[in-house]
PDB file of N, CA and C in Angstrom:
ATOM      1  N   MET A   1     -64.593-270.326-208.175  1.00  0.00           N
ATOM      2  CA  MET A   1     -65.618-271.346-208.294  1.00  0.00           C
ATOM      3  C   MET A   1     -66.504-271.115-209.525  1.00  0.00           C
ATOM      4  N   ALA A   2     -66.282-270.021-210.233  1.00  0.00           N
ATOM      5  CA  ALA A   2     -67.111-269.706-211.397  1.00  0.00           C
ATOM      6  C   ALA A   2     -66.967-270.755-212.498  1.00  0.00           C
ATOM      7  N   HIS A   3     -65.869-271.498-212.500  1.00  0.00           N
ATOM      8  CA  HIS A   3     -65.616-272.461-213.572  1.00  0.00           C
ATOM      9  C   HIS A   3     -65.864-273.905-213.161  1.00  0.00           C
ATOM     10  N   LYS A   4     -66.415-274.121-211.986  1.00  0.00           N
ATOM     11  CA  LYS A   4     -66.557-275.495-211.486  1.00  0.00           C
ATOM     12  C   LYS A   4     -67.522-276.330-212.314  1.00  0.00           C
ATOM     13  N   ASP A   5     -68.440-275.701-213.016  1.00  0.00           N
ATOM     14  CA  ASP A   5     -69.415-276.446-213.816  1.00  0.00           C
ATOM     15  C   ASP A   5     -69.074-276.452-215.302  1.00  0.00           C
ATOM     16  N   TRP A   6     -67.881-276.029-215.647  1.00  0.00           N
ATOM     17  CA  TRP A   6     -67.495-276.007-217.054  1.00  0.00           C
ATOM     18  C   TRP A   6     -67.391-277.428-217.603  1.00  0.00           C
ATOM     19  N   THR A   7     -67.722-277.558-218.870  1.00  0.00           N
ATOM     20  CA  THR A   7     -67.587-278.834-219.568  1.00  0.00           C
ATOM     21  C   THR A   7     -66.193-278.904-220.205  1.00  0.00           C
ATOM     22  N   ILE A   8     -65.860-280.069-220.735  1.00  0.00           N
ATOM     23  CA  ILE A   8     -64.599-280.220-221.466  1.00  0.00           C
ATOM     24  C   ILE A   8     -64.561-279.240-222.633  1.00  0.00           C
ATOM     25  N   ASP A   9     -65.680-279.077-223.326  1.00  0.00           N
ATOM     26  CA  ASP A   9     -65.715-278.140-224.450  1.00  0.00           C
ATOM     27  C   ASP A   9     -65.442-276.707-224.005  1.00  0.00           C
ATOM     28  N   ASP A  10     -65.912-276.332-222.815  1.00  0.00           N
ATOM     29  CA  ASP A  10     -65.600-274.998-222.286  1.00  0.00           C
ATOM     30  C   ASP A  10     -64.096-274.854-222.070  1.00  0.00           C
ATOM     31  N   TRP A  11     -63.464-275.867-221.460  1.00  0.00           N
ATOM     32  CA  TRP A  11     -62.030-275.802-221.177  1.00  0.00           C
ATOM     33  C   TRP A  11     -61.194-275.844-222.452  1.00  0.00           C
ATOM     34  N   LYS A  12     -61.713-276.424-223.524  1.00  0.00           N
ATOM     35  CA  LYS A  12     -60.989-276.449-224.795  1.00  0.00           C
ATOM     36  C   LYS A  12     -60.775-275.045-225.348  1.00  0.00           C
ATOM     37  N   ARG A  13     -61.559-274.085-224.890  1.00  0.00           N
ATOM     38  CA  ARG A  13     -61.467-272.711-225.387  1.00  0.00           C
ATOM     39  C   ARG A  13     -60.521-271.841-224.550  1.00  0.00           C
ATOM     40  N   VAL A  14     -59.902-272.400-223.519  1.00  0.00           N
ATOM     41  CA  VAL A  14     -59.023-271.629-222.633  1.00  0.00           C
ATOM     42  C   VAL A  14     -57.586-271.664-223.162  1.00  0.00           C
ATOM     43  N   VAL A  15     -56.929-270.511-223.119  1.00  0.00           N
ATOM     44  CA  VAL A  15     -55.515-270.399-223.480  1.00  0.00           C
ATOM     45  C   VAL A  15     -54.783-269.796-222.284  1.00  0.00           C
ATOM     46  N   TRP A  16     -53.831-270.539-221.732  1.00  0.00           N
ATOM     47  CA  TRP A  16     -53.003-270.045-220.631  1.00  0.00           C
ATOM     48  C   TRP A  16     -51.728-269.496-221.243  1.00  0.00           C
ATOM     49  N   SER A  17     -51.298-268.312-220.818  1.00  0.00           N
ATOM     50  CA  SER A  17     -50.048-267.757-221.341  1.00  0.00           C
ATOM     51  C   SER A  17     -49.175-267.263-220.192  1.00  0.00           C
ATOM     52  N   ASP A  18     -47.868-267.258-220.447  1.00  0.00           N
ATOM     53  CA  ASP A  18     -46.934-266.774-219.433  1.00  0.00           C
ATOM     54  C   ASP A  18     -45.589-266.519-220.091  1.00  0.00           C
ATOM     55  N   GLU A  19     -44.779-265.725-219.433  1.00  0.00           N
ATOM     56  CA  GLU A  19     -43.405-265.540-219.875  1.00  0.00           C
ATOM     57  C   GLU A  19     -42.485-266.041-218.771  1.00  0.00           C
ATOM     58  N   THR A  20     -41.294-266.456-219.194  1.00  0.00           N
ATOM     59  CA  THR A  20     -40.343-266.986-218.222  1.00  0.00           C
ATOM     60  C   THR A  20     -38.920-266.661-218.649  1.00  0.00           C
ATOM     61  N   LYS A  21     -38.056-266.556-217.678  1.00  0.00           N
ATOM     62  CA  LYS A  21     -36.634-266.375-217.962  1.00  0.00           C
ATOM     63  C   LYS A  21     -35.949-267.720-217.764  1.00  0.00           C
ATOM     64  N   ILE A  22     -35.161-268.109-218.746  1.00  0.00           N
ATOM     65  CA  ILE A  22     -34.410-269.357-218.672  1.00  0.00           C
ATOM     66  C   ILE A  22     -32.933-269.004-218.616  1.00  0.00           C
ATOM     67  N   ASN A  23     -32.281-269.425-217.553  1.00  0.00           N
ATOM     68  CA  ASN A  23     -30.856-269.153-217.376  1.00  0.00           C
ATOM     69  C   ASN A  23     -30.028-270.182-218.122  1.00  0.00           C
ATOM     70  N   ARG A  24     -29.005-269.720-218.792  1.00  0.00           N
ATOM     71  CA  ARG A  24     -28.140-270.612-219.555  1.00  0.00           C
ATOM     72  C   ARG A  24     -27.195-271.396-218.659  1.00  0.00           C
ATOM     73  N   PHE A  25     -26.717-270.772-217.604  1.00  0.00           N
ATOM     74  CA  PHE A  25     -25.664-271.403-216.823  1.00  0.00           C
ATOM     75  C   PHE A  25     -26.094-271.872-215.443  1.00  0.00           C
ATOM     76  N   ASN A  26     -26.820-271.068-214.695  1.00  0.00           N
ATOM     77  CA  ASN A  26     -27.187-271.483-213.344  1.00  0.00           C
ATOM     78  C   ASN A  26     -28.327-270.627-212.818  1.00  0.00           C
ATOM     79  N   SER A  27     -28.698-270.847-211.600  1.00  0.00           N
ATOM     80  CA  SER A  27     -29.807-270.155-210.964  1.00  0.00           C
ATOM     81  C   SER A  27     -29.454-268.707-210.655  1.00  0.00           C
ATOM     82  N   ASP A  28     -30.491-267.853-210.591  1.00  0.00           N
ATOM     83  CA  ASP A  28     -30.312-266.469-210.143  1.00  0.00           C
ATOM     84  C   ASP A  28     -30.116-266.405-208.636  1.00  0.00           C
ATOM     85  N   GLY A  29     -30.685-267.369-207.956  1.00  0.00           N
ATOM     86  CA  GLY A  29     -30.661-267.348-206.499  1.00  0.00           C
ATOM     87  C   GLY A  29     -29.455-268.066-205.932  1.00  0.00           C
ATOM     88  N   ARG A  30     -29.437-268.133-204.645  1.00  0.00           N
ATOM     89  CA  ARG A  30     -28.346-268.840-203.970  1.00  0.00           C
ATOM     90  C   ARG A  30     -28.543-270.342-204.090  1.00  0.00           C
ATOM     91  N   THR A  31     -27.442-271.034-204.146  1.00  0.00           N
ATOM     92  CA  THR A  31     -27.474-272.492-204.071  1.00  0.00           C
ATOM     93  C   THR A  31     -26.589-272.907-202.909  1.00  0.00           C
ATOM     94  N   TRP A  32     -26.939-274.003-202.307  1.00  0.00           N
ATOM     95  CA  TRP A  32     -26.235-274.457-201.109  1.00  0.00           C
ATOM     96  C   TRP A  32     -25.713-275.870-201.304  1.00  0.00           C
ATOM     97  N   THR A  33     -24.584-276.133-200.684  1.00  0.00           N
ATOM     98  CA  THR A  33     -24.029-277.482-200.621  1.00  0.00           C
ATOM     99  C   THR A  33     -23.693-277.784-199.170  1.00  0.00           C
ATOM    100  N   TRP A  34     -24.143-278.933-198.706  1.00  0.00           N
ATOM    101  CA  TRP A  34     -23.835-279.349-197.340  1.00  0.00           C
ATOM    102  C   TRP A  34     -22.803-280.464-197.394  1.00  0.00           C
ATOM    103  N   ILE A  35     -21.789-280.324-196.569  1.00  0.00           N
ATOM    104  CA  ILE A  35     -20.802-281.395-196.427  1.00  0.00           C
ATOM    105  C   ILE A  35     -20.623-281.668-194.938  1.00  0.00           C
ATOM    106  N   ARG A  36     -20.243-282.881-194.645  1.00  0.00           N
ATOM    107  CA  ARG A  36     -20.034-283.264-193.245  1.00  0.00           C
ATOM    108  C   ARG A  36     -18.781-282.606-192.687  1.00  0.00           C
ATOM    109  N   SER A  37     -18.770-282.398-191.405  1.00  0.00           N
ATOM    110  CA  SER A  37     -17.612-281.823-190.730  1.00  0.00           C
ATOM    111  C   SER A  37     -16.391-282.700-190.999  1.00  0.00           C
ATOM    112  N   GLY A  38     -15.319-282.075-191.427  1.00  0.00           N
ATOM    113  CA  GLY A  38     -14.094-282.808-191.718  1.00  0.00           C
ATOM    114  C   GLY A  38     -14.014-283.323-193.148  1.00  0.00           C
ATOM    115  N   GLU A  39     -15.123-283.307-193.887  1.00  0.00           N
ATOM    116  CA  GLU A  39     -15.133-283.776-195.277  1.00  0.00           C
ATOM    117  C   GLU A  39     -14.572-282.670-196.172  1.00  0.00           C
ATOM    118  N   SER A  40     -13.774-283.046-197.159  1.00  0.00           N
ATOM    119  CA  SER A  40     -13.212-282.038-198.064  1.00  0.00           C
ATOM    120  C   SER A  40     -14.210-281.701-199.174  1.00  0.00           C
ATOM    121  N   LEU A  41     -14.090-280.496-199.697  1.00  0.00           N
ATOM    122  CA  LEU A  41     -14.945-280.024-200.779  1.00  0.00           C
ATOM    123  C   LEU A  41     -14.576-280.758-202.066  1.00  0.00           C
ATOM    124  N   LYS A  42     -15.559-281.307-202.757  1.00  0.00           N
ATOM    125  CA  LYS A  42     -15.347-282.043-204.006  1.00  0.00           C
ATOM    126  C   LYS A  42     -15.797-281.177-205.184  1.00  0.00           C
ATOM    127  N   SER A  43     -15.334-281.519-206.374  1.00  0.00           N
ATOM    128  CA  SER A  43     -15.669-280.721-207.561  1.00  0.00           C
ATOM    129  C   SER A  43     -17.175-280.696-207.823  1.00  0.00           C
ATOM    130  N   HIS A  44     -17.894-281.769-207.499  1.00  0.00           N
ATOM    131  CA  HIS A  44     -19.338-281.776-207.740  1.00  0.00           C
ATOM    132  C   HIS A  44     -20.100-280.912-206.730  1.00  0.00           C
ATOM    133  N   HIS A  45     -19.424-280.411-205.710  1.00  0.00           N
ATOM    134  CA  HIS A  45     -20.043-279.489-204.759  1.00  0.00           C
ATOM    135  C   HIS A  45     -20.021-278.046-205.269  1.00  0.00           C
ATOM    136  N   VAL A  46     -19.228-277.771-206.287  1.00  0.00           N
ATOM    137  CA  VAL A  46     -19.008-276.405-206.765  1.00  0.00           C
ATOM    138  C   VAL A  46     -19.668-276.227-208.126  1.00  0.00           C
ATOM    139  N   LYS A  47     -20.417-275.137-208.290  1.00  0.00           N
ATOM    140  CA  LYS A  47     -21.037-274.833-209.578  1.00  0.00           C
ATOM    141  C   LYS A  47     -20.205-273.802-210.312  1.00  0.00           C
ATOM    142  N   MET A  48     -20.060-274.013-211.611  1.00  0.00           N
ATOM    143  CA  MET A  48     -19.353-273.037-212.431  1.00  0.00           C
ATOM    144  C   MET A  48     -20.218-271.789-212.560  1.00  0.00           C
ATOM    145  N   THR A  49     -19.597-270.636-212.654  1.00  0.00           N
ATOM    146  CA  THR A  49     -20.327-269.388-212.850  1.00  0.00           C
ATOM    147  C   THR A  49     -19.776-268.658-214.056  1.00  0.00           C
ATOM    148  N   VAL A  50     -20.579-267.759-214.570  1.00  0.00           N
ATOM    149  CA  VAL A  50     -20.183-266.921-215.693  1.00  0.00           C
ATOM    150  C   VAL A  50     -20.347-265.486-215.243  1.00  0.00           C
ATOM    151  N   LYS A  51     -19.344-264.681-215.425  1.00  0.00           N
ATOM    152  CA  LYS A  51     -19.359-263.319-214.894  1.00  0.00           C
ATOM    153  C   LYS A  51     -19.766-262.272-215.920  1.00  0.00           C
ATOM    154  N   HIS A  52     -20.220-262.675-217.085  1.00  0.00           N
ATOM    155  CA  HIS A  52     -20.669-261.701-218.081  1.00  0.00           C
ATOM    156  C   HIS A  52     -22.155-261.894-218.343  1.00  0.00           C
ATOM    157  N   GLY A  53     -22.747-260.956-219.043  1.00  0.00           N
ATOM    158  CA  GLY A  53     -24.175-261.025-219.341  1.00  0.00           C
ATOM    159  C   GLY A  53     -24.485-262.041-220.418  1.00  0.00           C
ATOM    160  N   ARG A  54     -25.677-261.956-220.952  1.00  0.00           N
ATOM    161  CA  ARG A  54     -26.151-262.829-222.032  1.00  0.00           C
ATOM    162  C   ARG A  54     -26.246-264.281-221.588  1.00  0.00           C
ATOM    163  N   GLY A  55     -26.492-264.484-220.321  1.00  0.00           N
ATOM    164  CA  GLY A  55     -26.584-265.838-219.819  1.00  0.00           C
ATOM    165  C   GLY A  55     -28.005-266.342-219.679  1.00  0.00           C
ATOM    166  N   ASN A  56     -28.986-265.581-220.223  1.00  0.00           N
ATOM    167  CA  ASN A  56     -30.369-266.038-220.121  1.00  0.00           C
ATOM    168  C   ASN A  56     -31.180-265.523-221.302  1.00  0.00           C
ATOM    169  N   ILE A  57     -32.345-266.125-221.477  1.00  0.00           N
ATOM    170  CA  ILE A  57     -33.290-265.642-222.488  1.00  0.00           C
ATOM    171  C   ILE A  57     -34.671-265.564-221.853  1.00  0.00           C
ATOM    172  N   MET A  58     -35.495-264.676-222.375  1.00  0.00           N
ATOM    173  CA  MET A  58     -36.890-264.557-221.953  1.00  0.00           C
ATOM    174  C   MET A  58     -37.758-265.133-223.064  1.00  0.00           C
ATOM    175  N   LEU A  59     -38.732-265.957-222.671  1.00  0.00           N
ATOM    176  CA  LEU A  59     -39.647-266.566-223.629  1.00  0.00           C
ATOM    177  C   LEU A  59     -41.085-266.352-223.194  1.00  0.00           C
ATOM    178  N   TRP A  60     -41.981-266.252-224.164  1.00  0.00           N
ATOM    179  CA  TRP A  60     -43.422-266.198-223.924  1.00  0.00           C
ATOM    180  C   TRP A  60     -44.041-267.334-224.718  1.00  0.00           C
ATOM    181  N   SER A  61     -45.018-268.019-224.126  1.00  0.00           N
ATOM    182  CA  SER A  61     -45.717-269.076-224.844  1.00  0.00           C
ATOM    183  C   SER A  61     -47.064-269.331-224.190  1.00  0.00           C
ATOM    184  N   THR A  62     -47.771-270.293-224.744  1.00  0.00           N
ATOM    185  CA  THR A  62     -49.100-270.647-224.257  1.00  0.00           C
ATOM    186  C   THR A  62     -49.231-272.153-224.095  1.00  0.00           C
ATOM    187  N   ILE A  63     -50.235-272.530-223.330  1.00  0.00           N
ATOM    188  CA  ILE A  63     -50.654-273.925-223.228  1.00  0.00           C
ATOM    189  C   ILE A  63     -52.155-273.942-223.473  1.00  0.00           C
ATOM    190  N   THR A  64     -52.589-274.846-224.324  1.00  0.00           N
ATOM    191  CA  THR A  64     -54.010-274.993-224.623  1.00  0.00           C
ATOM    192  C   THR A  64     -54.399-276.461-224.499  1.00  0.00           C
ATOM    193  N   TYR A  65     -55.670-276.723-224.632  1.00  0.00           N
ATOM    194  CA  TYR A  65     -56.151-278.104-224.630  1.00  0.00           C
ATOM    195  C   TYR A  65     -55.495-278.897-225.762  1.00  0.00           C
ATOM    196  N   ALA A  66     -55.215-278.219-226.877  1.00  0.00           N
ATOM    197  CA  ALA A  66     -54.622-278.874-228.046  1.00  0.00           C
ATOM    198  C   ALA A  66     -53.123-279.102-227.889  1.00  0.00           C
ATOM    199  N   GLY A  67     -52.508-278.466-226.899  1.00  0.00           N
ATOM    200  CA  GLY A  67     -51.075-278.628-226.687  1.00  0.00           C
ATOM    201  C   GLY A  67     -50.392-277.299-226.448  1.00  0.00           C
ATOM    202  N   VAL A  68     -49.073-277.314-226.610  1.00  0.00           N
ATOM    203  CA  VAL A  68     -48.273-276.107-226.400  1.00  0.00           C
ATOM    204  C   VAL A  68     -48.416-275.203-227.614  1.00  0.00           C
ATOM    205  N   GLY A  69     -48.540-273.901-227.362  1.00  0.00           N
ATOM    206  CA  GLY A  69     -48.689-272.938-228.451  1.00  0.00           C
ATOM    207  C   GLY A  69     -47.353-272.445-228.974  1.00  0.00           C
ATOM    208  N   TRP A  70     -47.417-271.406-229.781  1.00  0.00           N
ATOM    209  CA  TRP A  70     -46.224-270.814-230.361  1.00  0.00           C
ATOM    210  C   TRP A  70     -45.367-270.185-229.274  1.00  0.00           C
ATOM    211  N   MET A  71     -44.063-270.241-229.461  1.00  0.00           N
ATOM    212  CA  MET A  71     -43.125-269.656-228.506  1.00  0.00           C
ATOM    213  C   MET A  71     -42.506-268.410-229.128  1.00  0.00           C
ATOM    214  N   CYS A  72     -42.305-267.408-228.293  1.00  0.00           N
ATOM    215  CA  CYS A  72     -41.771-266.139-228.767  1.00  0.00           C
ATOM    216  C   CYS A  72     -40.623-265.707-227.865  1.00  0.00           C
ATOM    217  N   LYS A  73     -39.470-265.408-228.461  1.00  0.00           N
ATOM    218  CA  LYS A  73     -38.345-264.879-227.689  1.00  0.00           C
ATOM    219  C   LYS A  73     -38.589-263.391-227.458  1.00  0.00           C
ATOM    220  N   ILE A  74     -38.384-262.957-226.222  1.00  0.00           N
ATOM    221  CA  ILE A  74     -38.583-261.556-225.864  1.00  0.00           C
ATOM    222  C   ILE A  74     -37.214-260.898-225.754  1.00  0.00           C
ATOM    223  N   ASP A  75     -36.973-259.911-226.608  1.00  0.00           N
ATOM    224  CA  ASP A  75     -35.726-259.146-226.551  1.00  0.00           C
ATOM    225  C   ASP A  75     -35.979-257.882-225.746  1.00  0.00           C
ATOM    226  N   GLY A  76     -35.199-257.663-224.713  1.00  0.00           N
ATOM    227  CA  GLY A  76     -35.380-256.481-223.876  1.00  0.00           C
ATOM    228  C   GLY A  76     -36.489-256.685-222.863  1.00  0.00           C
ATOM    229  N   ASN A  77     -37.055-255.583-222.408  1.00  0.00           N
ATOM    230  CA  ASN A  77     -38.107-255.635-221.395  1.00  0.00           C
ATOM    231  C   ASN A  77     -39.483-255.707-222.036  1.00  0.00           C
ATOM    232  N   MET A  78     -40.365-256.461-221.404  1.00  0.00           N
ATOM    233  CA  MET A  78     -41.746-256.557-221.874  1.00  0.00           C
ATOM    234  C   MET A  78     -42.474-255.277-221.469  1.00  0.00           C
ATOM    235  N   ASP A  79     -43.049-254.585-222.449  1.00  0.00           N
ATOM    236  CA  ASP A  79     -43.900-253.439-222.165  1.00  0.00           C
ATOM    237  C   ASP A  79     -45.244-253.673-222.852  1.00  0.00           C
ATOM    238  N   LYS A  80     -46.178-252.750-222.690  1.00  0.00           N
ATOM    239  CA  LYS A  80     -47.525-252.986-223.212  1.00  0.00           C
ATOM    240  C   LYS A  80     -47.541-253.074-224.736  1.00  0.00           C
ATOM    241  N   THR A  81     -46.667-252.326-225.414  1.00  0.00           N
ATOM    242  CA  THR A  81     -46.623-252.378-226.874  1.00  0.00           C
ATOM    243  C   THR A  81     -46.144-253.746-227.348  1.00  0.00           C
ATOM    244  N   LEU A  82     -45.065-254.241-226.757  1.00  0.00           N
ATOM    245  CA  LEU A  82     -44.542-255.556-227.125  1.00  0.00           C
ATOM    246  C   LEU A  82     -45.544-256.653-226.780  1.00  0.00           C
ATOM    247  N   TYR A  83     -46.180-256.553-225.613  1.00  0.00           N
ATOM    248  CA  TYR A  83     -47.156-257.568-225.213  1.00  0.00           C
ATOM    249  C   TYR A  83     -48.326-257.606-226.194  1.00  0.00           C
ATOM    250  N   LYS A  84     -48.780-256.442-226.642  1.00  0.00           N
ATOM    251  CA  LYS A  84     -49.877-256.389-227.613  1.00  0.00           C
ATOM    252  C   LYS A  84     -49.451-257.022-228.936  1.00  0.00           C
ATOM    253  N   GLU A  85     -48.215-256.741-229.378  1.00  0.00           N
ATOM    254  CA  GLU A  85     -47.708-257.350-230.609  1.00  0.00           C
ATOM    255  C   GLU A  85     -47.663-258.868-230.490  1.00  0.00           C
ATOM    256  N   ILE A  86     -47.209-259.365-229.353  1.00  0.00           N
ATOM    257  CA  ILE A  86     -47.151-260.813-229.133  1.00  0.00           C
ATOM    258  C   ILE A  86     -48.549-261.412-229.186  1.00  0.00           C
ATOM    259  N   LEU A  87     -49.500-260.775-228.508  1.00  0.00           N
ATOM    260  CA  LEU A  87     -50.871-261.293-228.518  1.00  0.00           C
ATOM    261  C   LEU A  87     -51.452-261.293-229.926  1.00  0.00           C
ATOM    262  N   GLU A  88     -51.193-260.232-230.685  1.00  0.00           N
ATOM    263  CA  GLU A  88     -51.748-260.136-232.037  1.00  0.00           C
ATOM    264  C   GLU A  88     -51.139-261.160-232.984  1.00  0.00           C
ATOM    265  N   ASP A  89     -49.889-261.512-232.791  1.00  0.00           N
ATOM    266  CA  ASP A  89     -49.218-262.437-233.699  1.00  0.00           C
ATOM    267  C   ASP A  89     -49.211-263.865-233.159  1.00  0.00           C
ATOM    268  N   GLU A  90     -48.522-264.081-232.047  1.00  0.00           N
ATOM    269  CA  GLU A  90     -48.328-265.436-231.527  1.00  0.00           C
ATOM    270  C   GLU A  90     -49.619-266.048-230.996  1.00  0.00           C
ATOM    271  N   LEU A  91     -50.418-265.262-230.285  1.00  0.00           N
ATOM    272  CA  LEU A  91     -51.675-265.799-229.757  1.00  0.00           C
ATOM    273  C   LEU A  91     -52.625-266.142-230.892  1.00  0.00           C
ATOM    274  N   GLU A  92     -52.691-265.294-231.899  1.00  0.00           N
ATOM    275  CA  GLU A  92     -53.549-265.575-233.056  1.00  0.00           C
ATOM    276  C   GLU A  92     -53.122-266.876-233.737  1.00  0.00           C
ATOM    277  N   ARG A  93     -51.813-267.075-233.910  1.00  0.00           N
ATOM    278  CA  ARG A  93     -51.332-268.323-234.529  1.00  0.00           C
ATOM    279  C   ARG A  93     -51.662-269.529-233.653  1.00  0.00           C
ATOM    280  N   THR A  94     -51.562-269.370-232.339  1.00  0.00           N
ATOM    281  CA  THR A  94     -51.899-270.461-231.421  1.00  0.00           C
ATOM    282  C   THR A  94     -53.373-270.825-231.537  1.00  0.00           C
ATOM    283  N   ILE A  95     -54.234-269.823-231.593  1.00  0.00           N
ATOM    284  CA  ILE A  95     -55.674-270.081-231.719  1.00  0.00           C
ATOM    285  C   ILE A  95     -55.970-270.775-233.040  1.00  0.00           C
ATOM    286  N   GLU A  96     -55.355-270.304-234.126  1.00  0.00           N
ATOM    287  CA  GLU A  96     -55.540-270.950-235.436  1.00  0.00           C
ATOM    288  C   GLU A  96     -55.098-272.413-235.384  1.00  0.00           C
ATOM    289  N   TYR A  97     -53.922-272.659-234.813  1.00  0.00           N
ATOM    290  CA  TYR A  97     -53.391-274.017-234.705  1.00  0.00           C
ATOM    291  C   TYR A  97     -54.329-274.899-233.881  1.00  0.00           C
ATOM    292  N   GLY A  98     -54.755-274.391-232.733  1.00  0.00           N
ATOM    293  CA  GLY A  98     -55.622-275.171-231.852  1.00  0.00           C
ATOM    294  C   GLY A  98     -56.960-275.498-232.479  1.00  0.00           C
ATOM    295  N   THR A  99     -57.566-274.522-233.169  1.00  0.00           N
ATOM    296  CA  THR A  99     -58.863-274.788-233.788  1.00  0.00           C
ATOM    297  C   THR A  99     -58.719-275.772-234.939  1.00  0.00           C
ATOM    298  N   ASN A 100     -57.624-275.686-235.681  1.00  0.00           N
ATOM    299  CA  ASN A 100     -57.398-276.653-236.762  1.00  0.00           C
ATOM    300  C   ASN A 100     -57.154-278.052-236.207  1.00  0.00           C
ATOM    301  N   LYS A 101     -56.355-278.150-235.149  1.00  0.00           N
ATOM    302  CA  LYS A 101     -56.016-279.454-234.570  1.00  0.00           C
ATOM    303  C   LYS A 101     -57.233-280.122-233.937  1.00  0.00           C
ATOM    304  N   LEU A 102     -58.053-279.325-233.247  1.00  0.00           N
ATOM    305  CA  LEU A 102     -59.220-279.883-232.566  1.00  0.00           C
ATOM    306  C   LEU A 102     -60.440-279.986-233.469  1.00  0.00           C
ATOM    307  N   GLY A 103     -60.380-279.332-234.629  1.00  0.00           N
ATOM    308  CA  GLY A 103     -61.530-279.335-235.518  1.00  0.00           C
ATOM    309  C   GLY A 103     -62.686-278.513-234.979  1.00  0.00           C
ATOM    310  N   THR A 104     -62.376-277.497-234.174  1.00  0.00           N
ATOM    311  CA  THR A 104     -63.421-276.640-233.623  1.00  0.00           C
ATOM    312  C   THR A 104     -63.537-275.381-234.455  1.00  0.00           C
ATOM    313  N   LYS A 105     -64.617-274.661-234.251  1.00  0.00           N
ATOM    314  CA  LYS A 105     -64.862-273.427-234.983  1.00  0.00           C
ATOM    315  C   LYS A 105     -64.409-272.243-234.148  1.00  0.00           C
ATOM    316  N   LYS A 106     -63.655-271.336-234.764  1.00  0.00           N
ATOM    317  CA  LYS A 106     -63.195-270.130-234.079  1.00  0.00           C
ATOM    318  C   LYS A 106     -64.296-269.078-234.143  1.00  0.00           C
ATOM    319  N   THR A 107     -64.552-268.429-233.008  1.00  0.00           N
ATOM    320  CA  THR A 107     -65.528-267.342-232.972  1.00  0.00           C
ATOM    321  C   THR A 107     -64.821-266.060-232.583  1.00  0.00           C
ATOM    322  N   SER A 108     -65.500-264.943-232.726  1.00  0.00           N
ATOM    323  CA  SER A 108     -64.883-263.658-232.388  1.00  0.00           C
ATOM    324  C   SER A 108     -64.521-263.580-230.911  1.00  0.00           C
ATOM    325  N   SER A 109     -65.200-264.334-230.057  1.00  0.00           N
ATOM    326  CA  SER A 109     -64.863-264.316-228.629  1.00  0.00           C
ATOM    327  C   SER A 109     -63.558-265.053-228.348  1.00  0.00           C
ATOM    328  N   ASP A 110     -63.038-265.803-229.337  1.00  0.00           N
ATOM    329  CA  ASP A 110     -61.762-266.496-229.178  1.00  0.00           C
ATOM    330  C   ASP A 110     -60.571-265.578-229.416  1.00  0.00           C
ATOM    331  N   LEU A 111     -60.805-264.413-230.011  1.00  0.00           N
ATOM    332  CA  LEU A 111     -59.718-263.529-230.397  1.00  0.00           C
ATOM    333  C   LEU A 111     -59.406-262.526-229.306  1.00  0.00           C
ATOM    334  N   PRO A 112     -58.137-262.090-229.224  1.00  0.00           N
ATOM    335  CA  PRO A 112     -57.789-261.069-228.227  1.00  0.00           C
ATOM    336  C   PRO A 112     -58.480-259.753-228.542  1.00  0.00           C
ATOM    337  N   ALA A 113     -58.791-258.989-227.495  1.00  0.00           N
ATOM    338  CA  ALA A 113     -59.477-257.705-227.689  1.00  0.00           C
ATOM    339  C   ALA A 113     -58.513-256.657-228.175  1.00  0.00           C
TER     340      ALA A 113
END
């Protein structure tokens, strides 16, 4: 509830970030197909699978009031060193882009610690 009284200008200064894995071929989890008793299995009931690796990518990006920020492909596992590098490079570029697009002034409180 700390943000319930924020103005639009306050929200313009917020940057949401997250990383996600995008699968190239199909879901990591189980998928189900239901067919009626006596009905034969059709090709559209079956999903193709790939039995080798390299079927997904990891991405990090942001969303701001000005729009979507810079996207970064993550190679390997995210650790604190890589996360800091991403924040120093990609987040800084996102803040620069957002302040230029919105015509707002960047302050030191806008930068990552």
